[in-house]
Amino acid sequence: MLRDPVLSEPVLSEPVPSPSDYAVGLDIGGTKTEGVVVDAAGAVVASLVRATPHGADAVVEAAAAMVGSLLARSAVTLAGDRAIGIGIPGLVDVGTGAVKHAVNLGIDGEWLALGSRLSDRLDQPVVIENDVNVAALGTTTLLPSGRARDLAYLSIGTGLAAGLVLDGRLRRGVHGAAGEVGHLAVDPHGVRCSCGQVGCLETVGSGSALEAAWPDADASGPAVSLFRAADGGDPRAAEIVRRFAGAVATTIRVLCLTADVESVVLGGGVAQVGEPLLRAVRAELAAQAQGSPFLSSLGLGDRVLLVPVGYPAAAVGAALLGRTEAGS
């Protein structure tokens, strides 16, 4: 059992050029793209962050350029069969490497053959996966082996979704919907969700819900300013935090009662709040377990951990996925 709820980031290792040991992963987000080169142990040996351009052609060109820069920076030459891993938001067809409905990237209703286009540009195999799923894989490098085989990575960002690693393997589901817990409708009297349902957990427990509830954000952003105001004694902020943390706690309870994962690791933009978020969520988990010896016996609060601030979990996970897909 880890005593520190904030996971420790692996120490950067010195690159020793060896094509069979290294892998490259990119996390293409709506505003920025993070890229890494990792060694055989999953430690980062080189990293880059650049703004993400808008539009399908621009995304392809920028991704190809970043891979080239990462390889040059790390002095690594990849093995010819080593797949480059890409994590990206939206609907991903893992089999074909195509993506659509990544609206923030300018990739909407039409399928973009991102995998094949990048592979042609780079003369290297490319695998594409949803960004939350690869973040779950990246999180496994931060945990002792005993806690890394069964975990949920809960991304609390614009939306609310989980990536699942069960028995050491990524669980996508038959339709790629495994972990879409944010769209569990729990309040028939709640607000309408972007998915078309009413009262989804995402309408209360996501970064966008938090921003809507706390429009008085300062330069530090809505999440940090809200939690700071709550800690400072603002009763309205404290109530918003309680409701938000309650929705996150309910999501964690769902994950643990359905998949019984060993760890639930909080990531995404709101997780940058750090310890105040963890305390609030654990308090709500304890409150939800009151009066239930069954829930109390499961130790849900002890399973909740935080990704280190700034750790590129999705990019690292994409690199690990590329290595797996290459069969090594």
Protein backbone atom coordinates (compact mmCIF):
# COMPACT_ATOMS: atom_id res chain seq x y z
CA MET A 1 0.00 0.00 0.00
CA LEU A 2 1.41 3.36 -1.02
CA ARG A 3 1.61 5.85 1.83
CA ASP A 4 1.94 8.87 -0.42
CA PRO A 5 -1.33 9.45 -2.32
CA VAL A 6 0.51 11.56 -4.90
CA LEU A 7 2.37 9.14 -7.12
CA SER A 8 6.06 9.78 -7.67
CA GLU A 9 7.18 10.54 -11.20
CA PRO A 10 9.93 8.24 -12.57
CA VAL A 11 13.36 9.84 -12.70
CA LEU A 12 14.51 10.83 -16.19
CA SER A 13 17.05 8.36 -17.50
CA GLU A 14 19.99 9.00 -19.79
CA PRO A 15 19.37 7.83 -23.37
CA VAL A 16 21.63 5.09 -24.69
CA PRO A 17 20.79 4.73 -28.38
CA SER A 18 19.48 1.22 -28.94
CA PRO A 19 16.60 0.79 -31.38
CA SER A 20 15.13 -2.23 -29.61
CA ASP A 21 14.74 -0.45 -26.25
CA TYR A 22 12.98 2.80 -27.09
CA ALA A 23 9.48 3.87 -28.01
CA VAL A 24 7.81 7.15 -28.97
CA GLY A 25 4.37 8.34 -27.90
CA LEU A 26 2.31 11.46 -28.55
CA ASP A 27 -0.69 12.84 -26.70
CA ILE A 28 -2.52 15.10 -29.16
CA GLY A 29 -4.82 17.35 -27.15
CA GLY A 30 -7.14 20.17 -28.08
CA THR A 31 -4.63 22.90 -27.18
CA LYS A 32 -1.26 21.16 -26.85
CA THR A 33 0.56 18.06 -28.00
CA GLU A 34 2.96 16.28 -25.65
CA GLY A 35 5.52 13.85 -26.99
CA VAL A 36 7.96 11.54 -25.23
CA VAL A 37 10.62 8.96 -25.87
CA VAL A 38 10.66 6.23 -23.23
CA ASP A 39 13.20 3.54 -22.48
CA ALA A 40 12.63 -0.15 -21.78
CA ALA A 41 11.50 0.61 -18.20
CA GLY A 42 9.00 3.26 -19.33
CA ALA A 43 11.11 6.16 -18.03
CA VAL A 44 11.08 9.37 -20.08
CA VAL A 45 14.36 10.14 -21.84
CA ALA A 46 13.13 13.05 -23.97
CA SER A 47 9.98 15.15 -24.10
CA LEU A 48 8.44 18.03 -26.04
CA VAL A 49 5.31 20.16 -25.73
CA ARG A 50 3.95 22.17 -28.64
CA ALA A 51 0.68 23.89 -29.50
CA THR A 52 -1.77 21.70 -31.40
CA PRO A 53 -2.82 23.16 -34.74
CA HIS A 54 -6.40 23.04 -36.01
CA GLY A 55 -7.50 20.88 -38.92
CA ALA A 56 -6.77 17.35 -40.11
CA ASP A 57 -3.82 18.12 -42.41
CA ALA A 58 -2.18 20.40 -39.87
CA VAL A 59 -2.52 17.79 -37.11
CA VAL A 60 -0.85 15.14 -39.27
CA GLU A 61 2.04 17.43 -40.23
CA ALA A 62 2.59 18.64 -36.67
CA ALA A 63 2.59 15.09 -35.29
CA ALA A 64 5.12 13.94 -37.87
CA ALA A 65 7.35 16.94 -37.13
CA MET A 66 7.22 16.27 -33.39
CA VAL A 67 8.27 12.64 -33.84
CA GLY A 68 11.26 13.79 -35.87
CA SER A 69 12.22 16.35 -33.24
CA LEU A 70 11.92 13.80 -30.42
CA LEU A 71 14.15 11.30 -32.18
CA ALA A 72 16.73 13.99 -32.92
CA ARG A 73 16.66 15.27 -29.32
CA SER A 74 17.07 11.79 -27.83
CA ALA A 75 19.62 10.54 -30.38
CA VAL A 76 17.49 7.41 -30.75
CA THR A 77 16.81 5.44 -33.92
CA LEU A 78 13.70 3.30 -33.63
CA ALA A 79 13.62 -0.31 -34.69
CA GLY A 80 11.89 -0.70 -38.04
CA ASP A 81 8.93 -2.59 -36.58
CA ARG A 82 8.51 -0.32 -33.55
CA ALA A 83 5.10 1.33 -33.70
CA ILE A 84 4.71 4.96 -32.72
CA GLY A 85 1.79 5.37 -30.34
CA ILE A 86 -0.70 8.22 -30.56
CA GLY A 87 -3.32 9.17 -27.97
CA ILE A 88 -6.09 11.44 -29.22
CA PRO A 89 -9.56 12.51 -28.06
CA GLY A 90 -12.62 11.56 -30.03
CA LEU A 91 -13.94 8.31 -31.44
CA VAL A 92 -11.07 6.01 -32.39
CA ASP A 93 -11.22 2.92 -34.59
CA VAL A 94 -8.26 1.04 -33.13
CA GLY A 95 -8.24 -1.52 -35.93
CA THR A 96 -7.85 1.00 -38.74
CA GLY A 97 -6.14 3.83 -36.85
CA ALA A 98 -8.86 6.29 -37.85
CA VAL A 99 -10.42 9.00 -35.69
CA LYS A 100 -13.47 11.28 -35.86
CA HIS A 101 -15.45 13.57 -33.58
CA ALA A 102 -12.25 15.13 -32.20
CA VAL A 103 -14.04 18.46 -32.47
CA ASN A 104 -11.43 20.57 -30.68
CA LEU A 105 -8.89 19.50 -33.29
CA GLY A 106 -11.08 20.36 -36.25
CA ILE A 107 -11.73 16.65 -36.89
CA ASP A 108 -15.48 16.21 -36.79
CA GLY A 109 -17.90 13.88 -38.57
CA GLU A 110 -15.61 12.37 -41.21
CA TRP A 111 -13.09 9.64 -40.41
CA LEU A 112 -9.46 10.79 -40.56
CA ALA A 113 -7.06 7.97 -41.42
CA LEU A 114 -4.52 9.36 -38.98
CA GLY A 115 -2.61 6.11 -38.46
CA SER A 116 -2.00 5.33 -42.12
CA ARG A 117 -1.23 8.95 -43.03
CA LEU A 118 1.33 9.26 -40.26
CA SER A 119 2.81 5.86 -41.06
CA ASP A 120 3.30 6.92 -44.68
CA ARG A 121 4.95 10.18 -43.58
CA LEU A 122 7.28 8.53 -41.07
CA ASP A 123 7.87 5.16 -42.73
CA GLN A 124 7.10 3.60 -39.35
CA PRO A 125 4.08 1.68 -37.98
CA VAL A 126 1.61 3.89 -36.07
CA VAL A 127 -1.09 2.87 -33.58
CA ILE A 128 -3.94 5.16 -32.51
CA GLU A 129 -5.87 5.00 -29.24
CA ASN A 130 -8.23 7.16 -27.22
CA ASP A 131 -6.31 9.58 -25.00
CA VAL A 132 -7.89 8.44 -21.72
CA ASN A 133 -7.06 4.81 -22.47
CA VAL A 134 -3.40 5.54 -23.13
CA ALA A 135 -3.25 7.67 -19.98
CA ALA A 136 -4.38 4.61 -18.03
CA LEU A 137 -1.49 2.65 -19.54
CA GLY A 138 0.94 5.46 -18.73
CA THR A 139 -0.21 5.49 -15.12
CA THR A 140 0.87 1.87 -14.69
CA THR A 141 4.51 2.99 -14.77
CA LEU A 142 3.98 4.99 -11.57
CA LEU A 143 2.66 2.12 -9.47
CA PRO A 144 4.27 -0.94 -7.90
CA SER A 145 3.54 -4.03 -10.00
CA GLY A 146 0.97 -5.26 -7.50
CA ARG A 147 -1.18 -2.17 -7.99
CA ALA A 148 -0.59 -1.70 -11.71
CA ARG A 149 -2.44 -4.75 -13.06
CA ASP A 150 -5.92 -3.58 -12.07
CA LEU A 151 -6.51 0.16 -12.10
CA ALA A 152 -8.79 2.88 -13.35
CA TYR A 153 -7.44 6.20 -14.54
CA LEU A 154 -10.19 8.75 -13.96
CA SER A 155 -9.76 11.77 -16.20
CA ILE A 156 -11.45 14.84 -14.71
CA GLY A 157 -11.18 17.39 -17.47
CA THR A 158 -13.69 18.96 -19.82
CA GLY A 159 -15.52 15.64 -19.52
CA LEU A 160 -15.43 12.74 -17.08
CA ALA A 161 -14.21 9.34 -18.25
CA ALA A 162 -12.06 6.44 -17.14
CA GLY A 163 -9.46 4.25 -18.77
CA LEU A 164 -9.35 0.69 -17.44
CA VAL A 165 -6.40 -1.67 -17.12
CA LEU A 166 -7.69 -5.05 -15.97
CA ASP A 167 -5.39 -8.00 -15.32
CA GLY A 168 -2.61 -6.02 -16.96
CA ARG A 169 -4.50 -5.37 -20.19
CA LEU A 170 -6.30 -2.33 -21.52
CA ARG A 171 -10.07 -2.88 -21.53
CA ARG A 172 -11.76 -1.08 -24.41
CA GLY A 173 -15.11 -2.88 -24.48
CA VAL A 174 -17.02 -4.25 -27.45
CA HIS A 175 -17.96 -0.80 -28.73
CA GLY A 176 -15.03 1.11 -27.25
CA ALA A 177 -17.25 2.48 -24.48
CA ALA A 178 -15.60 0.84 -21.46
CA GLY A 179 -14.96 3.48 -18.81
CA GLU A 180 -17.52 6.03 -20.08
CA VAL A 181 -18.80 6.39 -16.53
CA GLY A 182 -19.36 10.12 -16.93
CA HIS A 183 -22.45 9.29 -18.95
CA LEU A 184 -24.15 7.30 -16.23
CA ALA A 185 -27.42 9.15 -15.67
CA VAL A 186 -27.91 9.37 -11.90
CA ASP A 187 -30.24 12.35 -11.46
CA PRO A 188 -33.52 12.39 -13.41
CA HIS A 189 -34.02 15.99 -12.27
CA GLY A 190 -30.55 17.12 -13.35
CA VAL A 191 -29.41 19.11 -16.36
CA ARG A 192 -29.18 17.80 -19.90
CA CYS A 193 -25.78 16.33 -20.82
CA SER A 194 -24.03 16.84 -24.16
CA CYS A 195 -24.67 13.13 -24.80
CA GLY A 196 -28.43 13.76 -24.82
CA GLN A 197 -29.25 12.17 -21.47
CA VAL A 198 -30.33 14.01 -18.33
CA GLY A 199 -28.43 14.07 -15.05
CA CYS A 200 -25.19 12.35 -16.10
CA LEU A 201 -22.32 12.31 -13.63
CA GLU A 202 -20.36 14.44 -16.10
CA THR A 203 -22.85 17.29 -15.66
CA VAL A 204 -21.74 17.61 -12.04
CA GLY A 205 -18.29 15.99 -11.73
CA SER A 206 -16.34 17.36 -14.72
CA GLY A 207 -14.16 20.40 -15.24
CA SER A 208 -16.77 21.99 -17.48
CA ALA A 209 -19.45 21.50 -14.80
CA LEU A 210 -17.15 23.03 -12.20
CA GLU A 211 -16.43 26.01 -14.45
CA ALA A 212 -20.15 26.59 -15.03
CA ALA A 213 -20.84 26.45 -11.30
CA TRP A 214 -17.93 28.80 -10.42
CA PRO A 215 -17.74 31.57 -13.03
CA ASP A 216 -15.74 33.78 -10.64
CA ALA A 217 -12.41 32.20 -11.57
CA ASP A 218 -9.20 34.21 -11.38
CA ALA A 219 -6.03 33.79 -13.44
CA SER A 220 -5.28 30.46 -11.74
CA GLY A 221 -8.31 28.88 -13.42
CA PRO A 222 -11.72 27.78 -12.16
CA ALA A 223 -10.63 24.62 -10.33
CA VAL A 224 -7.75 26.11 -8.38
CA SER A 225 -9.59 29.33 -7.55
CA LEU A 226 -12.70 27.43 -6.44
CA PHE A 227 -10.82 25.14 -4.08
CA ARG A 228 -8.81 28.08 -2.76
CA ALA A 229 -12.01 29.98 -2.02
CA ALA A 230 -13.51 26.93 -0.31
CA ASP A 231 -10.41 26.49 1.85
CA GLY A 232 -10.65 30.20 2.69
CA GLY A 233 -14.13 29.78 4.14
CA ASP A 234 -16.38 30.86 1.26
CA PRO A 235 -19.63 28.94 1.94
CA ARG A 236 -20.81 28.98 -1.68
CA ALA A 237 -17.45 27.66 -2.90
CA ALA A 238 -17.48 25.00 -0.18
CA GLU A 239 -20.92 23.78 -1.30
CA ILE A 240 -19.84 23.62 -4.96
CA VAL A 241 -16.73 21.65 -3.97
CA ARG A 242 -18.83 19.26 -1.88
CA ARG A 243 -21.26 18.61 -4.74
CA PHE A 244 -18.45 18.23 -7.26
CA ALA A 245 -16.43 15.91 -5.02
CA GLY A 246 -19.57 13.92 -4.32
CA ALA A 247 -20.05 13.24 -8.03
CA VAL A 248 -16.39 12.20 -8.39
CA ALA A 249 -16.74 9.96 -5.34
CA THR A 250 -19.84 8.34 -6.84
CA THR A 251 -17.89 7.72 -10.04
CA ILE A 252 -15.09 6.07 -8.06
CA ARG A 253 -17.63 3.95 -6.20
CA VAL A 254 -19.09 2.78 -9.53
CA LEU A 255 -15.64 1.85 -10.85
CA CYS A 256 -14.74 -0.07 -7.72
CA LEU A 257 -18.08 -1.87 -7.44
CA THR A 258 -18.10 -2.94 -11.09
CA ALA A 259 -14.44 -3.74 -11.76
CA ASP A 260 -13.06 -3.87 -8.18
CA VAL A 261 -9.85 -2.18 -9.30
CA GLU A 262 -6.96 -1.96 -6.86
CA SER A 263 -6.34 1.74 -7.59
CA VAL A 264 -8.26 4.69 -8.98
CA VAL A 265 -5.81 7.33 -10.17
CA LEU A 266 -7.11 10.86 -10.63
CA GLY A 267 -5.80 12.78 -13.62
CA GLY A 268 -6.91 15.43 -16.08
CA GLY A 269 -7.02 19.18 -15.70
CA VAL A 270 -8.91 19.34 -12.41
CA ALA A 271 -6.47 16.89 -10.80
CA GLN A 272 -3.87 19.66 -10.99
CA VAL A 273 -5.58 21.03 -7.87
CA GLY A 274 -3.73 18.26 -6.01
CA GLU A 275 -4.21 17.45 -2.33
CA PRO A 276 -7.33 19.61 -1.76
CA LEU A 277 -9.14 17.59 -4.43
CA LEU A 278 -7.98 14.31 -2.92
CA ARG A 279 -9.13 15.34 0.56
CA ALA A 280 -12.55 16.43 -0.70
CA VAL A 281 -13.12 13.22 -2.67
CA ARG A 282 -12.00 11.00 0.20
CA ALA A 283 -14.30 12.89 2.58
CA GLU A 284 -17.26 12.28 0.27
CA LEU A 285 -16.36 8.60 -0.11
CA ALA A 286 -16.35 8.32 3.69
CA ALA A 287 -19.71 10.09 3.88
CA GLN A 288 -21.21 7.78 1.26
CA ALA A 289 -20.01 4.74 3.22
CA GLN A 290 -21.61 5.86 6.49
CA GLY A 291 -24.22 3.37 7.59
CA SER A 292 -22.94 0.71 5.17
CA PRO A 293 -20.53 -1.80 6.71
CA PHE A 294 -20.20 -3.28 3.21
CA LEU A 295 -18.93 -0.06 1.61
CA SER A 296 -16.80 0.76 4.64
CA SER A 297 -15.07 -2.62 4.37
CA LEU A 298 -13.92 -1.89 0.81
CA GLY A 299 -11.54 0.93 1.77
CA LEU A 300 -12.44 3.01 -1.28
CA GLY A 301 -10.69 6.14 -0.05
CA ASP A 302 -7.40 4.30 0.34
CA ARG A 303 -7.52 3.27 -3.32
CA VAL A 304 -7.59 6.84 -4.64
CA LEU A 305 -4.29 8.34 -5.82
CA LEU A 306 -3.13 11.36 -7.81
CA VAL A 307 -0.97 11.58 -10.91
CA PRO A 308 2.02 13.91 -10.31
CA VAL A 309 1.38 17.42 -11.61
CA GLY A 310 2.75 17.71 -15.14
CA TYR A 311 3.44 13.99 -15.64
CA PRO A 312 2.70 13.15 -19.33
CA ALA A 313 0.69 10.00 -18.57
CA ALA A 314 -1.07 9.84 -21.94
CA ALA A 315 2.11 10.33 -23.99
CA VAL A 316 3.95 7.69 -21.95
CA GLY A 317 1.00 5.31 -22.31
CA ALA A 318 0.92 5.89 -26.07
CA ALA A 319 4.61 4.93 -26.25
CA LEU A 320 3.94 1.77 -24.22
CA LEU A 321 1.05 0.90 -26.52
CA GLY A 322 3.31 1.28 -29.54
CA ARG A 323 5.79 -1.10 -27.97
CA THR A 324 3.07 -3.65 -27.21
CA GLU A 325 1.61 -3.46 -30.70
CA ALA A 326 5.07 -4.15 -32.10
CA GLY A 327 5.05 -7.40 -30.14
CA SER A 328 7.89 -6.65 -27.74
